[in-house]
Every structure is written in structure tokens, then in C-alpha cells.
Amino acid sequence: MSQPSTLPQSVTAGQQSATQGIALVLGSAIVWSFGGTLARFLSIEDGWTIVFWRSLFAALFLIGFMLWRDGPRGTVTLFRNMGLPGIAVGLCFAIASTSFILALAYTTVANVVLIQAGVPLIAALISWIVFRERVSLLTWFAIAAVIGGVAIMVSDSVSGTVSPIGDALAILIAVVFALATVITRRYAHVRMTPAACFGTIVAGTVAAIMASGLGVTMPELGILVTFGALNFGLGLAFFVTGARLLPSALAALLGTAETVLAPLWVALIHGEIPSLNTIVGGTVVLVALLSYLSVEMWRQRRALG
């Protein structure tokens, strides 16, 4: 008599977890999508100064988040247990977050964010090269389409419309994020919240050394608090919490909301209209990514019966 009532309860619990995961991951994408818009409000010439303050407030937010969720002892344990995988992921986050700020000084927000849309596919490529994990023919087609789309996007660099340095930094962001994804998947038992916090500390330390000065005005400090704690830190907290509740394909699909929304916010608020090549190339990237992830989600649902 107990089985009929137990099964629906377990199914309902699973649905609730999935709903929570969708809300958190989608929330992270929405929060992150405002990064370029917030950066455009800052008149600080030295990008390293922005990296320092953004990383500082993100680190403080993540430490506070772990203390609230796991307590002081639990937070210390998390840092102790992250090991080399956590350090590697943290360094990837440090490189990515620093490159994001520096890239905005050379190229458009649209280029930076849209190039990052290829992260899931680059991760598949790294997994195949390093770990010899089988990559389906569909994935290879999607990778080829993304490479073609990125080539169209960065073609403006040849004419000097967009700096090749900015595009190179954007590609670096995509690669290190993909590498962090691969490491996280290979060490799924390691909680990566402290790794993200470690990455912000590393980025802030390097920025403090490289910056010409750390002085900012009070209005700028207010923007930097939002940029660091809410945009960067809160986004990381949402993502690492919600992604554990969802299939990777679905989490990645929800993450593409950042790619769609970021150029839109900048265009609406700052009037930074993407070039035709960026729009065309970005459309190719988005169609390839969404098509690939949609098919993968369908395959997972079919496998589960």
C-alpha cells in the first residue's frame, strides 16, 4: 500500500529540484548578462582597477554566501577539500574574469559575450583531445558551425573596426571557461564554490599589482559593488548551486540566455549597436548551439524513457 504514495512523492521532489535548478541557472544567466552594461557606466581608464574592485566584492560576497550556507567550519572544509582541481578551476575563473574586463576596452560587449557562446562545444573538443571521450558527429557539425560563426564575427578585426586583441581575449575567455567545465565534470565530487572564490582572490591580487592606482569615486564605488557582488558573485553562487540539480545540456541551454540578453541591454541602454558581421556571426553561433543542445536534451529524455 505504501508504493503508490511513495512514487508520486519522489517524482514530485525531483520535479521541484529541477524547477529550482532551472530558476537558479536562468537567474545566473540573467544576472551575468548585465555585466557589459554595468562596465559601460564606469569611466575608470585602468581596467586593472576595475578588476581589483570587482574581484574584491565578488570574493566578499562568495565568502559570505559560504558562511551562510555551510557555517565557518564548513567553509574552511570546503577550501581544504577543493584540492588541485579546485585550484585549476579557480585559476580559470581568474583568467576569464580578468580577460572579460580587459576585452571590453578593445571590443564590443556583443563580440565578447557571443564568442563565449561556444563554451559547451569547446569543452566537448577539449574532452575529446585530452581524455579521448567520444564526440558525436552532431557535436562536430555544431563545432564547425560555431567556428564559422566566430570567424564571421571577428572578421571586423581585419578592417580595424574591432581590435584583434579584444577578440583574442574573448576567445581566451571561452577556452578557459570550457577548461573549467571539463575539470568540474571530471571531479564532480568537488564543490566548486570555494574554487570560484579562490579565483576572485587571485584576480584581485594580480590586479592590485598591475593597477596604476586603486582610487575611485564614491559613485564609481557603488557601481563596482553592484558589478562585483551582485553581477559576478551572485551569478556564480546561482550557477554553482543550480547546475547541480540539472542535466548539463539543460544548464548550458539556459546559460545561453546571457548571450542573447547582454548585447540587448547594451544596445538599449548605451546605444552600442552590434555590427552586421557580429549579428550574422552571432546568429550562426546561437542557432548552432541551441540546435545542438536541444537535440542532446531530447536524447537524454528519450534515454530516460
Protein backbone atom coordinates (compact mmCIF):
# COMPACT_ATOMS: atom_id res chain seq x y z
CA MET A 1 0.00 0.00 0.00
CA SER A 2 2.96 2.34 0.51
CA GLN A 3 4.37 2.16 -3.04
CA PRO A 4 1.60 4.14 -4.77
CA SER A 5 2.13 7.10 -2.40
CA THR A 6 5.95 6.91 -2.35
CA LEU A 7 6.46 7.04 -6.13
CA PRO A 8 4.47 10.23 -6.71
CA GLN A 9 6.27 11.89 -3.79
CA SER A 10 9.68 11.05 -5.27
CA VAL A 11 8.62 12.25 -8.70
CA THR A 12 7.27 15.48 -7.21
CA ALA A 13 10.52 16.05 -5.29
CA GLY A 14 12.51 15.54 -8.47
CA GLN A 15 10.31 18.00 -10.34
CA GLN A 16 10.72 20.57 -7.58
CA SER A 17 14.52 20.19 -7.66
CA ALA A 18 14.55 20.58 -11.42
CA THR A 19 12.34 23.66 -11.19
CA GLN A 20 14.66 25.15 -8.58
CA GLY A 21 17.69 24.37 -10.71
CA ILE A 22 16.13 25.97 -13.79
CA ALA A 23 15.31 29.11 -11.81
CA LEU A 24 18.84 29.38 -10.37
CA VAL A 25 20.74 28.76 -13.61
CA LEU A 26 18.46 31.04 -15.58
CA GLY A 27 18.90 33.59 -12.81
CA SER A 28 22.69 33.37 -13.15
CA ALA A 29 22.48 33.96 -16.90
CA ILE A 30 20.22 36.97 -16.42
CA VAL A 31 22.48 38.42 -13.70
CA TRP A 32 25.63 37.91 -15.77
CA SER A 33 24.02 39.43 -18.86
CA PHE A 34 24.20 42.88 -17.22
CA GLY A 35 28.00 42.71 -16.89
CA GLY A 36 28.79 44.62 -20.07
CA THR A 37 26.11 47.21 -19.35
CA LEU A 38 27.50 47.89 -15.87
CA ALA A 39 31.06 48.12 -17.20
CA ARG A 40 29.99 50.80 -19.67
CA PHE A 41 28.85 53.02 -16.75
CA LEU A 42 32.42 53.14 -15.42
CA SER A 43 34.78 55.87 -16.60
CA ILE A 44 37.84 54.30 -14.94
CA GLU A 45 40.59 54.21 -17.56
CA ASP A 46 42.69 51.47 -15.95
CA GLY A 47 40.98 48.13 -16.47
CA TRP A 48 43.10 46.56 -13.72
CA THR A 49 41.50 48.92 -11.19
CA ILE A 50 38.07 47.64 -12.22
CA VAL A 51 39.26 44.03 -11.98
CA PHE A 52 40.55 44.63 -8.45
CA TRP A 53 37.35 46.13 -7.03
CA ARG A 54 35.06 43.72 -8.89
CA SER A 55 37.05 40.73 -7.67
CA LEU A 56 37.19 42.05 -4.11
CA PHE A 57 33.43 42.49 -3.79
CA ALA A 58 32.79 39.15 -5.53
CA ALA A 59 35.13 37.38 -3.10
CA LEU A 60 33.45 39.01 -0.10
CA PHE A 61 30.04 38.01 -1.41
CA LEU A 62 31.07 34.38 -2.03
CA ILE A 63 32.71 34.09 1.39
CA GLY A 64 29.55 35.45 2.97
CA PHE A 65 27.46 33.03 0.90
CA MET A 66 29.50 30.02 2.06
CA LEU A 67 29.45 31.18 5.67
CA TRP A 68 25.65 31.50 5.49
CA ARG A 69 25.19 28.14 3.77
CA ASP A 70 27.89 25.98 5.38
CA GLY A 71 28.99 27.84 8.51
CA PRO A 72 32.59 28.78 9.44
CA ARG A 73 33.84 25.19 9.84
CA GLY A 74 32.07 24.05 6.70
CA THR A 75 33.58 26.92 4.72
CA VAL A 76 37.10 26.05 5.88
CA THR A 77 36.45 22.40 5.00
CA LEU A 78 35.29 23.36 1.51
CA PHE A 79 38.53 25.24 0.84
CA ARG A 80 40.63 22.36 2.20
CA ASN A 81 38.82 19.78 0.09
CA MET A 82 38.88 21.56 -3.26
CA GLY A 83 42.43 20.32 -3.96
CA LEU A 84 44.23 20.72 -7.28
CA PRO A 85 41.02 20.53 -9.34
CA GLY A 86 39.62 23.46 -7.39
CA ILE A 87 42.83 25.43 -7.79
CA ALA A 88 42.78 24.80 -11.55
CA VAL A 89 39.15 25.86 -11.84
CA GLY A 90 39.84 28.93 -9.71
CA LEU A 91 42.71 29.97 -11.98
CA CYS A 92 40.44 29.54 -14.99
CA PHE A 93 37.87 31.82 -13.38
CA ALA A 94 40.61 34.34 -12.56
CA ILE A 95 41.82 34.42 -16.17
CA ALA A 96 38.29 34.61 -17.55
CA SER A 97 37.05 37.38 -15.26
CA THR A 98 40.19 39.46 -15.83
CA SER A 99 40.09 38.98 -19.59
CA PHE A 100 36.42 39.99 -19.65
CA ILE A 101 37.15 43.43 -18.20
CA LEU A 102 40.26 43.99 -20.32
CA ALA A 103 38.49 42.84 -23.51
CA LEU A 104 35.75 45.47 -23.09
CA ALA A 105 38.41 48.15 -23.61
CA TYR A 106 39.11 46.80 -27.11
CA THR A 107 35.94 45.24 -28.50
CA THR A 108 32.17 45.35 -28.12
CA VAL A 109 30.13 43.57 -25.47
CA ALA A 110 28.39 41.67 -28.27
CA ASN A 111 31.66 40.18 -29.52
CA VAL A 112 32.83 39.22 -26.02
CA VAL A 113 29.59 37.53 -25.00
CA LEU A 114 28.71 35.90 -28.30
CA ILE A 115 32.15 34.30 -28.66
CA GLN A 116 31.61 32.80 -25.20
CA ALA A 117 28.50 31.05 -26.57
CA GLY A 118 30.79 28.33 -27.86
CA VAL A 119 31.94 27.26 -24.38
CA PRO A 120 29.95 23.97 -24.25
CA LEU A 121 31.23 22.96 -27.67
CA ILE A 122 34.83 23.89 -26.90
CA ALA A 123 34.53 21.82 -23.73
CA ALA A 124 33.49 18.82 -25.82
CA LEU A 125 36.52 19.33 -28.05
CA ILE A 126 38.90 19.55 -25.07
CA SER A 127 37.38 16.39 -23.59
CA TRP A 128 37.96 14.55 -26.85
CA ILE A 129 41.59 15.70 -27.20
CA VAL A 130 42.66 15.29 -23.55
CA PHE A 131 40.51 12.41 -22.32
CA ARG A 132 39.62 10.75 -25.62
CA GLU A 133 35.93 10.97 -24.82
CA ARG A 134 33.82 10.11 -27.85
CA VAL A 135 32.30 13.12 -29.59
CA SER A 136 29.22 12.54 -31.75
CA LEU A 137 29.01 13.59 -35.38
CA LEU A 138 26.32 16.10 -34.41
CA THR A 139 28.76 17.74 -31.99
CA TRP A 140 31.42 18.05 -34.68
CA PHE A 141 28.91 19.71 -37.02
CA ALA A 142 27.96 22.13 -34.26
CA ILE A 143 31.63 22.89 -33.52
CA ALA A 144 32.24 23.61 -37.19
CA ALA A 145 29.23 25.94 -37.29
CA VAL A 146 30.41 27.80 -34.17
CA ILE A 147 33.91 28.22 -35.63
CA GLY A 148 32.34 29.60 -38.80
CA GLY A 149 30.15 31.98 -36.82
CA VAL A 150 33.08 33.23 -34.74
CA ALA A 151 35.11 33.74 -37.93
CA ILE A 152 32.35 35.97 -39.29
CA MET A 153 32.16 37.89 -36.03
CA VAL A 154 35.88 38.61 -35.77
CA SER A 155 36.20 39.50 -39.46
CA ASP A 156 35.70 43.12 -38.40
CA SER A 157 39.15 42.90 -36.78
CA VAL A 158 40.77 42.69 -40.19
CA SER A 159 39.35 46.06 -41.22
CA GLY A 160 40.28 47.60 -37.90
CA THR A 161 36.68 48.14 -36.80
CA VAL A 162 37.28 45.93 -33.77
CA SER A 163 40.67 45.29 -32.20
CA PRO A 164 42.06 41.76 -32.68
CA ILE A 165 43.31 42.00 -29.08
CA GLY A 166 39.74 42.23 -27.84
CA ASP A 167 38.64 39.27 -29.93
CA ALA A 168 41.65 37.24 -28.78
CA LEU A 169 40.78 37.95 -25.14
CA ALA A 170 37.16 36.95 -25.79
CA ILE A 171 38.31 33.65 -27.31
CA LEU A 172 40.61 33.12 -24.30
CA ILE A 173 37.60 33.56 -22.01
CA ALA A 174 35.69 30.87 -23.90
CA VAL A 175 38.63 28.45 -23.80
CA VAL A 176 39.36 28.77 -20.07
CA PHE A 177 35.67 28.54 -19.18
CA ALA A 178 35.46 25.39 -21.28
CA LEU A 179 38.53 24.03 -19.50
CA ALA A 180 36.94 24.80 -16.13
CA THR A 181 33.82 22.94 -17.27
CA VAL A 182 35.83 19.87 -18.25
CA ILE A 183 37.70 19.82 -14.92
CA THR A 184 34.46 20.26 -12.99
CA ARG A 185 32.87 17.33 -14.82
CA ARG A 186 35.90 15.10 -14.22
CA TYR A 187 35.84 15.94 -10.48
CA ALA A 188 32.09 16.19 -9.87
CA HIS A 189 32.54 15.35 -6.17
CA VAL A 190 34.44 18.59 -5.56
CA ARG A 191 32.32 21.62 -4.58
CA MET A 192 33.48 24.49 -6.78
CA THR A 193 32.14 27.47 -4.82
CA PRO A 194 35.45 27.89 -2.95
CA ALA A 195 37.26 27.48 -6.28
CA ALA A 196 35.27 30.40 -7.69
CA CYS A 197 36.12 32.43 -4.57
CA PHE A 198 39.79 31.48 -4.89
CA GLY A 199 39.72 32.68 -8.49
CA THR A 200 38.37 36.09 -7.49
CA ILE A 201 41.10 36.41 -4.85
CA VAL A 202 43.81 35.56 -7.39
CA ALA A 203 42.38 38.01 -9.93
CA GLY A 204 42.14 40.76 -7.32
CA THR A 205 45.71 40.19 -6.13
CA VAL A 206 47.16 40.33 -9.64
CA ALA A 207 45.07 43.40 -10.44
CA ALA A 208 46.31 45.18 -7.30
CA ILE A 209 49.87 44.66 -8.51
CA MET A 210 49.18 45.69 -12.12
CA ALA A 211 46.88 48.66 -11.46
CA SER A 212 48.26 52.17 -11.76
CA GLY A 213 46.07 53.15 -8.83
CA LEU A 214 43.10 51.87 -6.85
CA GLY A 215 41.39 55.17 -6.07
CA VAL A 216 37.78 55.53 -7.27
CA THR A 217 34.98 58.00 -6.64
CA MET A 218 32.01 57.15 -4.41
CA PRO A 219 29.57 56.86 -7.37
CA GLU A 220 32.03 54.54 -9.11
CA LEU A 221 32.41 52.50 -5.92
CA GLY A 222 28.65 52.00 -5.80
CA ILE A 223 28.67 50.67 -9.36
CA LEU A 224 31.65 48.44 -8.55
CA VAL A 225 29.83 46.95 -5.55
CA THR A 226 26.95 46.00 -7.83
CA PHE A 227 29.34 44.84 -10.56
CA GLY A 228 31.32 42.64 -8.18
CA ALA A 229 28.93 41.36 -5.53
CA LEU A 230 25.65 41.13 -7.45
CA ASN A 231 26.70 40.68 -11.08
CA PHE A 232 29.78 38.49 -10.61
CA GLY A 233 29.44 36.94 -7.15
CA LEU A 234 25.68 36.37 -7.12
CA GLY A 235 25.83 34.97 -10.64
CA LEU A 236 28.48 32.45 -9.61
CA ALA A 237 26.51 31.48 -6.50
CA PHE A 238 23.33 30.94 -8.54
CA PHE A 239 25.11 28.89 -11.17
CA VAL A 240 27.14 26.54 -8.98
CA THR A 241 24.06 25.89 -6.82
CA GLY A 242 21.56 25.34 -9.62
CA ALA A 243 23.72 23.48 -12.13
CA ARG A 244 24.00 20.52 -9.76
CA LEU A 245 20.23 20.00 -9.99
CA LEU A 246 20.03 19.83 -13.80
CA PRO A 247 21.34 17.80 -16.72
CA SER A 248 24.40 19.55 -18.15
CA ALA A 249 22.73 20.08 -21.54
CA LEU A 250 19.78 21.88 -19.96
CA ALA A 251 22.04 24.01 -17.75
CA ALA A 252 24.11 25.03 -20.77
CA LEU A 253 20.99 25.79 -22.78
CA LEU A 254 19.66 28.08 -20.05
CA GLY A 255 23.07 29.76 -19.89
CA THR A 256 22.69 30.95 -23.48
CA ALA A 257 20.19 33.49 -22.18
CA GLU A 258 23.23 35.59 -21.22
CA THR A 259 24.40 35.55 -24.83
CA VAL A 260 21.04 36.77 -26.08
CA LEU A 261 20.41 39.36 -23.37
CA ALA A 262 23.84 41.00 -22.92
CA PRO A 263 24.05 42.74 -26.33
CA LEU A 264 20.38 43.67 -26.00
CA TRP A 265 20.88 45.50 -22.67
CA VAL A 266 23.92 47.36 -24.04
CA ALA A 267 22.10 48.32 -27.23
CA LEU A 268 19.01 49.53 -25.32
CA ILE A 269 20.81 51.34 -22.50
CA HIS A 270 24.04 52.54 -24.15
CA GLY A 271 23.14 52.52 -27.84
CA GLU A 272 26.07 50.23 -28.69
CA ILE A 273 24.62 48.61 -31.81
CA PRO A 274 26.46 45.44 -32.93
CA SER A 275 27.96 45.43 -36.43
CA LEU A 276 26.28 43.44 -39.20
CA ASN A 277 29.04 40.83 -39.12
CA THR A 278 28.61 40.45 -35.35
CA ILE A 279 24.87 39.97 -35.73
CA VAL A 280 25.23 37.45 -38.57
CA GLY A 281 28.05 35.52 -36.89
CA GLY A 282 26.32 35.61 -33.54
CA THR A 283 23.14 34.26 -35.11
CA VAL A 284 25.10 31.36 -36.59
CA VAL A 285 26.67 30.63 -33.20
CA LEU A 286 23.33 30.78 -31.38
CA VAL A 287 21.48 28.61 -33.90
CA ALA A 288 24.26 26.00 -33.82
CA LEU A 289 24.42 25.97 -30.03
CA LEU A 290 20.68 25.91 -29.42
CA SER A 291 20.12 23.22 -32.07
CA TYR A 292 22.86 21.06 -30.60
CA LEU A 293 21.69 21.40 -27.02
CA SER A 294 18.04 20.87 -27.96
CA VAL A 295 18.87 17.57 -29.68
CA GLU A 296 21.00 16.49 -26.71
CA MET A 297 18.15 17.25 -24.30
CA TRP A 298 15.76 15.22 -26.50
CA ARG A 299 18.22 12.32 -26.48
CA GLN A 300 18.51 12.43 -22.69
CA ARG A 301 14.74 12.43 -22.23
CA ARG A 302 14.41 9.51 -24.67
CA ALA A 303 17.16 7.56 -22.86
CA LEU A 304 15.37 8.03 -19.55
CA GLY A 305 12.22 6.63 -21.12
